[in-house]
PDB file of N, CA and C in Angstrom:
ATOM      1  N   UNK A   1      -5.949   1.833 -50.574  1.00  0.00           N
ATOM      2  CA  UNK A   1      -5.226   2.981 -51.117  1.00  0.00           C
ATOM      3  C   UNK A   1      -3.929   2.976 -50.690  1.00  0.00           C
ATOM      4  N   UNK A   2      -3.832   3.353 -49.439  1.00  0.00           N
ATOM      5  CA  UNK A   2      -2.417   3.539 -48.508  1.00  0.00           C
ATOM      6  C   UNK A   2      -1.762   2.428 -48.774  1.00  0.00           C
ATOM      7  N   UNK A   3      -2.656   1.323 -48.515  1.00  0.00           N
ATOM      8  CA  UNK A   3      -2.080  -0.448 -48.204  1.00  0.00           C
ATOM      9  C   UNK A   3      -0.984  -0.258 -49.553  1.00  0.00           C
ATOM     10  N   UNK A   4      -1.511  -0.050 -50.691  1.00  0.00           N
ATOM     11  CA  UNK A   4      -0.756  -0.450 -51.772  1.00  0.00           C
ATOM     12  C   UNK A   4       0.430   0.691 -52.237  1.00  0.00           C
ATOM     13  N   UNK A   5       0.273   1.764 -51.679  1.00  0.00           N
ATOM     14  CA  UNK A   5       1.233   2.626 -51.846  1.00  0.00           C
ATOM     15  C   UNK A   5       2.375   2.308 -50.926  1.00  0.00           C
ATOM     16  N   UNK A   6       2.079   1.652 -49.335  1.00  0.00           N
ATOM     17  CA  UNK A   6       3.336   1.011 -48.792  1.00  0.00           C
ATOM     18  C   UNK A   6       3.791  -0.414 -49.366  1.00  0.00           C
ATOM     19  N   UNK A   7       2.701  -0.459 -50.263  1.00  0.00           N
ATOM     20  CA  UNK A   7       3.527  -2.064 -50.560  1.00  0.00           C
ATOM     21  C   UNK A   7       4.608  -1.831 -51.631  1.00  0.00           C
ATOM     22  N   UNK A   8       3.885  -0.750 -52.444  1.00  0.00           N
ATOM     23  CA  UNK A   8       4.998  -0.756 -53.649  1.00  0.00           C
ATOM     24  C   UNK A   8       5.985   0.266 -53.384  1.00  0.00           C
ATOM     25  N   UNK A   9       6.166   1.186 -52.054  1.00  0.00           N
ATOM     26  CA  UNK A   9       7.172   1.690 -51.955  1.00  0.00           C
ATOM     27  C   UNK A   9       8.319   0.923 -51.418  1.00  0.00           C
ATOM     28  N   UNK A  10       7.436   0.040 -50.542  1.00  0.00           N
ATOM     29  CA  UNK A  10       8.460  -1.025 -49.779  1.00  0.00           C
ATOM     30  C   UNK A  10       9.432  -2.154 -50.796  1.00  0.00           C
ATOM     31  N   UNK A  11       8.738  -2.450 -51.905  1.00  0.00           N
ATOM     32  CA  UNK A  11       9.250  -3.382 -52.849  1.00  0.00           C
ATOM     33  C   UNK A  11      10.596  -2.472 -53.358  1.00  0.00           C
ATOM     34  N   UNK A  12      10.090  -1.321 -53.727  1.00  0.00           N
ATOM     35  CA  UNK A  12      10.837  -0.028 -54.535  1.00  0.00           C
ATOM     36  C   UNK A  12      12.197   0.018 -53.763  1.00  0.00           C
ATOM     37  N   UNK A  13      11.672   0.289 -52.324  1.00  0.00           N
ATOM     38  CA  UNK A  13      13.045   0.552 -51.329  1.00  0.00           C
ATOM     39  C   UNK A  13      13.695  -0.956 -51.271  1.00  0.00           C
ATOM     40  N   UNK A  14      13.388  -1.823 -51.080  1.00  0.00           N
ATOM     41  CA  UNK A  14      14.037  -3.119 -50.808  1.00  0.00           C
ATOM     42  C   UNK A  14      14.794  -3.401 -51.966  1.00  0.00           C
ATOM     43  N   UNK A  15      14.740  -3.156 -53.337  1.00  0.00           N
ATOM     44  CA  UNK A  15      15.696  -3.105 -54.540  1.00  0.00           C
ATOM     45  C   UNK A  15      16.744  -2.069 -54.277  1.00  0.00           C
ATOM     46  N   UNK A  16      16.934  -0.882 -53.875  1.00  0.00           N
ATOM     47  CA  UNK A  16      17.456   0.320 -53.431  1.00  0.00           C
ATOM     48  C   UNK A  16      17.690   0.588 -52.096  1.00  0.00           C
ATOM     49  N   UNK A  17      18.308  -0.130 -51.420  1.00  0.00           N
ATOM     50  CA  UNK A  17      18.612   0.088 -50.141  1.00  0.00           C
ATOM     51  C   UNK A  17      19.228   1.426 -49.793  1.00  0.00           C
ATOM     52  N   UNK A  18      20.020   1.697 -50.363  1.00  0.00           N
ATOM     53  CA  UNK A  18      21.022   2.851 -50.073  1.00  0.00           C
ATOM     54  C   UNK A  18      20.240   4.234 -51.026  1.00  0.00           C
ATOM     55  N   UNK A  19      19.309   4.236 -51.533  1.00  0.00           N
ATOM     56  CA  UNK A  19      18.681   5.368 -51.838  1.00  0.00           C
ATOM     57  C   UNK A  19      18.637   6.432 -51.024  1.00  0.00           C
ATOM     58  N   UNK A  20      18.052   6.413 -49.851  1.00  0.00           N
ATOM     59  CA  UNK A  20      17.214   7.185 -49.244  1.00  0.00           C
ATOM     60  C   UNK A  20      18.667   8.055 -48.434  1.00  0.00           C
ATOM     61  N   UNK A  21      19.857   7.123 -48.307  1.00  0.00           N
ATOM     62  CA  UNK A  21      20.902   7.468 -47.530  1.00  0.00           C
ATOM     63  C   UNK A  21      21.829   8.595 -48.687  1.00  0.00           C
ATOM     64  N   UNK A  22      21.501   8.132 -49.675  1.00  0.00           N
ATOM     65  CA  UNK A  22      21.972   9.078 -50.800  1.00  0.00           C
ATOM     66  C   UNK A  22      21.363  10.253 -50.991  1.00  0.00           C
ATOM     67  N   UNK A  23      20.104  10.138 -50.691  1.00  0.00           N
ATOM     68  CA  UNK A  23      19.091  11.178 -51.311  1.00  0.00           C
ATOM     69  C   UNK A  23      19.474  12.410 -49.610  1.00  0.00           C
ATOM     70  N   UNK A  24      19.574  11.755 -48.637  1.00  0.00           N
ATOM     71  CA  UNK A  24      20.087  12.898 -47.410  1.00  0.00           C
ATOM     72  C   UNK A  24      21.384  13.274 -47.359  1.00  0.00           C
ATOM     73  N   UNK A  25      22.576  12.659 -47.993  1.00  0.00           N
ATOM     74  CA  UNK A  25      23.681  12.734 -47.829  1.00  0.00           C
ATOM     75  C   UNK A  25      23.642  14.427 -48.826  1.00  0.00           C
ATOM     76  N   UNK A  26      23.002  14.304 -50.453  1.00  0.00           N
ATOM     77  CA  UNK A  26      22.800  15.046 -51.116  1.00  0.00           C
ATOM     78  C   UNK A  26      22.324  16.661 -50.305  1.00  0.00           C
ATOM     79  N   UNK A  27      20.993  16.316 -49.702  1.00  0.00           N
ATOM     80  CA  UNK A  27      20.701  17.303 -49.284  1.00  0.00           C
ATOM     81  C   UNK A  27      21.189  18.139 -47.903  1.00  0.00           C
ATOM     82  N   UNK A  28      22.395  17.312 -47.518  1.00  0.00           N
ATOM     83  CA  UNK A  28      23.049  17.996 -46.452  1.00  0.00           C
ATOM     84  C   UNK A  28      24.254  18.559 -47.480  1.00  0.00           C
ATOM     85  N   UNK A  29      24.432  18.564 -48.460  1.00  0.00           N
ATOM     86  CA  UNK A  29      25.456  19.001 -48.975  1.00  0.00           C
ATOM     87  C   UNK A  29      24.859  20.088 -49.830  1.00  0.00           C
ATOM     88  N   UNK A  30      23.821  20.070 -50.340  1.00  0.00           N
ATOM     89  CA  UNK A  30      23.151  21.182 -50.800  1.00  0.00           C
ATOM     90  C   UNK A  30      23.043  22.232 -49.893  1.00  0.00           C
ATOM     91  N   UNK A  31      22.347  21.614 -48.772  1.00  0.00           N
ATOM     92  CA  UNK A  31      22.297  22.723 -47.494  1.00  0.00           C
ATOM     93  C   UNK A  31      23.460  23.493 -47.405  1.00  0.00           C
ATOM     94  N   UNK A  32      24.828  23.072 -47.099  1.00  0.00           N
ATOM     95  CA  UNK A  32      26.298  23.643 -47.048  1.00  0.00           C
ATOM     96  C   UNK A  32      26.263  24.942 -48.347  1.00  0.00           C
ATOM     97  N   UNK A  33      25.870  24.472 -49.636  1.00  0.00           N
ATOM     98  CA  UNK A  33      26.044  25.380 -50.598  1.00  0.00           C
ATOM     99  C   UNK A  33      25.073  26.765 -50.372  1.00  0.00           C
ATOM    100  N   UNK A  34      23.641  26.350 -49.930  1.00  0.00           N
ATOM    101  CA  UNK A  34      22.550  27.445 -49.762  1.00  0.00           C
ATOM    102  C   UNK A  34      23.233  28.302 -48.932  1.00  0.00           C
ATOM    103  N   UNK A  35      24.131  28.023 -47.985  1.00  0.00           N
ATOM    104  CA  UNK A  35      24.527  29.191 -47.299  1.00  0.00           C
ATOM    105  C   UNK A  35      25.037  30.285 -47.748  1.00  0.00           C
ATOM    106  N   UNK A  36      26.046  30.050 -49.066  1.00  0.00           N
ATOM    107  CA  UNK A  36      26.627  31.395 -49.323  1.00  0.00           C
ATOM    108  C   UNK A  36      25.732  32.210 -50.284  1.00  0.00           C
ATOM    109  N   UNK A  37      24.207  31.682 -50.451  1.00  0.00           N
ATOM    110  CA  UNK A  37      23.540  32.375 -51.382  1.00  0.00           C
ATOM    111  C   UNK A  37      22.067  32.790 -49.956  1.00  0.00           C
ATOM    112  N   UNK A  38      22.780  33.126 -49.023  1.00  0.00           N
ATOM    113  CA  UNK A  38      21.308  33.621 -47.745  1.00  0.00           C
ATOM    114  C   UNK A  38      20.760  35.107 -48.035  1.00  0.00           C
ATOM    115  N   UNK A  39      21.147  35.632 -48.930  1.00  0.00           N
ATOM    116  CA  UNK A  39      20.427  37.044 -49.076  1.00  0.00           C
ATOM    117  C   UNK A  39      19.688  37.002 -49.964  1.00  0.00           C
ATOM    118  N   UNK A  40      19.469  35.685 -51.192  1.00  0.00           N
ATOM    119  CA  UNK A  40      18.311  35.887 -51.839  1.00  0.00           C
ATOM    120  C   UNK A  40      17.021  35.252 -50.991  1.00  0.00           C
ATOM    121  N   UNK A  41      15.815  36.022 -51.304  1.00  0.00           N
ATOM    122  CA  UNK A  41      14.644  35.512 -50.281  1.00  0.00           C
ATOM    123  C   UNK A  41      14.343  34.196 -50.479  1.00  0.00           C
ATOM    124  N   UNK A  42      14.185  33.286 -51.342  1.00  0.00           N
ATOM    125  CA  UNK A  42      13.543  31.994 -51.168  1.00  0.00           C
ATOM    126  C   UNK A  42      14.478  31.352 -50.477  1.00  0.00           C
ATOM    127  N   UNK A  43      15.857  31.574 -50.984  1.00  0.00           N
ATOM    128  CA  UNK A  43      17.051  30.364 -50.822  1.00  0.00           C
ATOM    129  C   UNK A  43      17.333  30.829 -49.399  1.00  0.00           C
ATOM    130  N   UNK A  44      17.310  32.228 -48.968  1.00  0.00           N
ATOM    131  CA  UNK A  44      17.361  32.683 -47.748  1.00  0.00           C
ATOM    132  C   UNK A  44      16.862  32.447 -46.481  1.00  0.00           C
ATOM    133  N   UNK A  45      15.696  31.732 -46.815  1.00  0.00           N
ATOM    134  CA  UNK A  45      14.582  30.880 -45.552  1.00  0.00           C
ATOM    135  C   UNK A  45      15.375  29.470 -45.326  1.00  0.00           C
ATOM    136  N   UNK A  46      15.807  29.022 -46.521  1.00  0.00           N
ATOM    137  CA  UNK A  46      16.361  27.662 -46.021  1.00  0.00           C
ATOM    138  C   UNK A  46      17.746  27.716 -45.730  1.00  0.00           C
ATOM    139  N   UNK A  47      18.445  29.330 -45.884  1.00  0.00           N
ATOM    140  CA  UNK A  47      19.608  28.795 -45.280  1.00  0.00           C
ATOM    141  C   UNK A  47      19.568  29.542 -43.508  1.00  0.00           C
ATOM    142  N   UNK A  48      18.583  30.193 -43.098  1.00  0.00           N
ATOM    143  CA  UNK A  48      18.354  30.934 -41.834  1.00  0.00           C
ATOM    144  C   UNK A  48      17.951  29.413 -41.142  1.00  0.00           C
ATOM    145  N   UNK A  49      16.702  28.813 -41.747  1.00  0.00           N
ATOM    146  CA  UNK A  49      16.455  27.535 -40.889  1.00  0.00           C
ATOM    147  C   UNK A  49      17.211  26.274 -40.811  1.00  0.00           C
ATOM    148  N   UNK A  50      18.188  26.189 -41.785  1.00  0.00           N
ATOM    149  CA  UNK A  50      18.701  24.901 -42.247  1.00  0.00           C
ATOM    150  C   UNK A  50      17.696  23.930 -42.444  1.00  0.00           C
ATOM    151  N   UNK A  51      17.225  24.028 -43.253  1.00  0.00           N
ATOM    152  CA  UNK A  51      15.696  23.366 -43.254  1.00  0.00           C
ATOM    153  C   UNK A  51      16.451  21.858 -44.171  1.00  0.00           C
ATOM    154  N   UNK A  52      17.337  22.127 -45.104  1.00  0.00           N
ATOM    155  CA  UNK A  52      17.540  20.866 -46.172  1.00  0.00           C
ATOM    156  C   UNK A  52      18.647  20.347 -44.706  1.00  0.00           C
ATOM    157  N   UNK A  53      19.221  20.700 -44.437  1.00  0.00           N
ATOM    158  CA  UNK A  53      20.189  19.803 -43.467  1.00  0.00           C
ATOM    159  C   UNK A  53      19.110  19.187 -42.409  1.00  0.00           C
ATOM    160  N   UNK A  54      18.560  19.351 -42.011  1.00  0.00           N
ATOM    161  CA  UNK A  54      17.618  19.209 -40.810  1.00  0.00           C
ATOM    162  C   UNK A  54      16.887  17.829 -41.988  1.00  0.00           C
ATOM    163  N   UNK A  55      16.239  18.276 -42.974  1.00  0.00           N
ATOM    164  CA  UNK A  55      15.352  17.047 -43.851  1.00  0.00           C
ATOM    165  C   UNK A  55      16.464  16.005 -44.354  1.00  0.00           C
ATOM    166  N   UNK A  56      17.652  16.553 -44.601  1.00  0.00           N
ATOM    167  CA  UNK A  56      18.900  15.545 -45.021  1.00  0.00           C
ATOM    168  C   UNK A  56      19.189  14.408 -43.921  1.00  0.00           C
ATOM    169  N   UNK A  57      19.304  14.926 -42.780  1.00  0.00           N
ATOM    170  CA  UNK A  57      19.380  14.045 -41.449  1.00  0.00           C
ATOM    171  C   UNK A  57      18.542  13.006 -41.251  1.00  0.00           C
ATOM    172  N   UNK A  58      17.336  13.731 -41.227  1.00  0.00           N
ATOM    173  CA  UNK A  58      16.081  12.599 -40.634  1.00  0.00           C
ATOM    174  C   UNK A  58      15.606  11.656 -41.970  1.00  0.00           C
ATOM    175  N   UNK A  59      15.963  12.263 -43.133  1.00  0.00           N
ATOM    176  CA  UNK A  59      15.975  11.040 -44.303  1.00  0.00           C
ATOM    177  C   UNK A  59      16.982  10.158 -44.613  1.00  0.00           C
ATOM    178  N   UNK A  60      18.062  10.556 -44.282  1.00  0.00           N
ATOM    179  CA  UNK A  60      19.464   9.384 -44.267  1.00  0.00           C
ATOM    180  C   UNK A  60      18.928   8.397 -42.765  1.00  0.00           C
ATOM    181  N   UNK A  61      18.678   8.933 -41.900  1.00  0.00           N
ATOM    182  CA  UNK A  61      18.381   8.216 -40.540  1.00  0.00           C
ATOM    183  C   UNK A  61      17.143   6.824 -40.751  1.00  0.00           C
ATOM    184  N   UNK A  62      16.154   7.465 -41.419  1.00  0.00           N
ATOM    185  CA  UNK A  62      15.326   7.114 -41.947  1.00  0.00           C
ATOM    186  C   UNK A  62      15.535   5.299 -42.838  1.00  0.00           C
ATOM    187  N   UNK A  63      16.503   6.409 -43.828  1.00  0.00           N
ATOM    188  CA  UNK A  63      16.786   5.277 -44.873  1.00  0.00           C
ATOM    189  C   UNK A  63      17.986   4.141 -44.193  1.00  0.00           C
ATOM    190  N   UNK A  64      18.807   4.376 -43.107  1.00  0.00           N
ATOM    191  CA  UNK A  64      19.179   3.178 -42.794  1.00  0.00           C
ATOM    192  C   UNK A  64      18.471   2.323 -41.875  1.00  0.00           C
ATOM    193  N   UNK A  65      17.491   3.020 -40.972  1.00  0.00           N
ATOM    194  CA  UNK A  65      16.493   2.119 -40.499  1.00  0.00           C
ATOM    195  C   UNK A  65      15.453   1.039 -41.465  1.00  0.00           C
ATOM    196  N   UNK A  66      15.474   1.811 -42.762  1.00  0.00           N
ATOM    197  CA  UNK A  66      14.511   0.679 -43.545  1.00  0.00           C
ATOM    198  C   UNK A  66      15.046  -0.069 -44.567  1.00  0.00           C
ATOM    199  N   UNK A  67      16.668   0.176 -44.503  1.00  0.00           N
ATOM    200  CA  UNK A  67      17.382  -0.587 -45.208  1.00  0.00           C
ATOM    201  C   UNK A  67      17.721  -1.720 -44.300  1.00  0.00           C
ATOM    202  N   UNK A  68      17.735  -1.742 -42.941  1.00  0.00           N
ATOM    203  CA  UNK A  68      18.022  -2.793 -42.173  1.00  0.00           C
ATOM    204  C   UNK A  68      16.761  -3.760 -41.975  1.00  0.00           C
ATOM    205  N   UNK A  69      15.703  -2.777 -42.461  1.00  0.00           N
ATOM    206  CA  UNK A  69      14.262  -3.507 -41.765  1.00  0.00           C
ATOM    207  C   UNK A  69      13.884  -4.475 -43.021  1.00  0.00           C
ATOM    208  N   UNK A  70      14.159  -3.971 -44.226  1.00  0.00           N
ATOM    209  CA  UNK A  70      13.693  -4.381 -45.675  1.00  0.00           C
ATOM    210  C   UNK A  70      14.835  -5.467 -45.906  1.00  0.00           C
TER     211      UNK A  70
END
């Protein structure tokens, strides 16, 4: 089951190599705007922990590595 998922994911990403990088950049940009709404309870969590920033950087770097490997 996991093997099929990995095969389908690698085929999908091999045709769209820049997609994870674009998603990572988008998350970093969203994190910038989240900083302005730090007083809202749920958004405040994202603002104080910079979760979207870190997630965007990790996804972007993994996208670069996967794009080179595929």
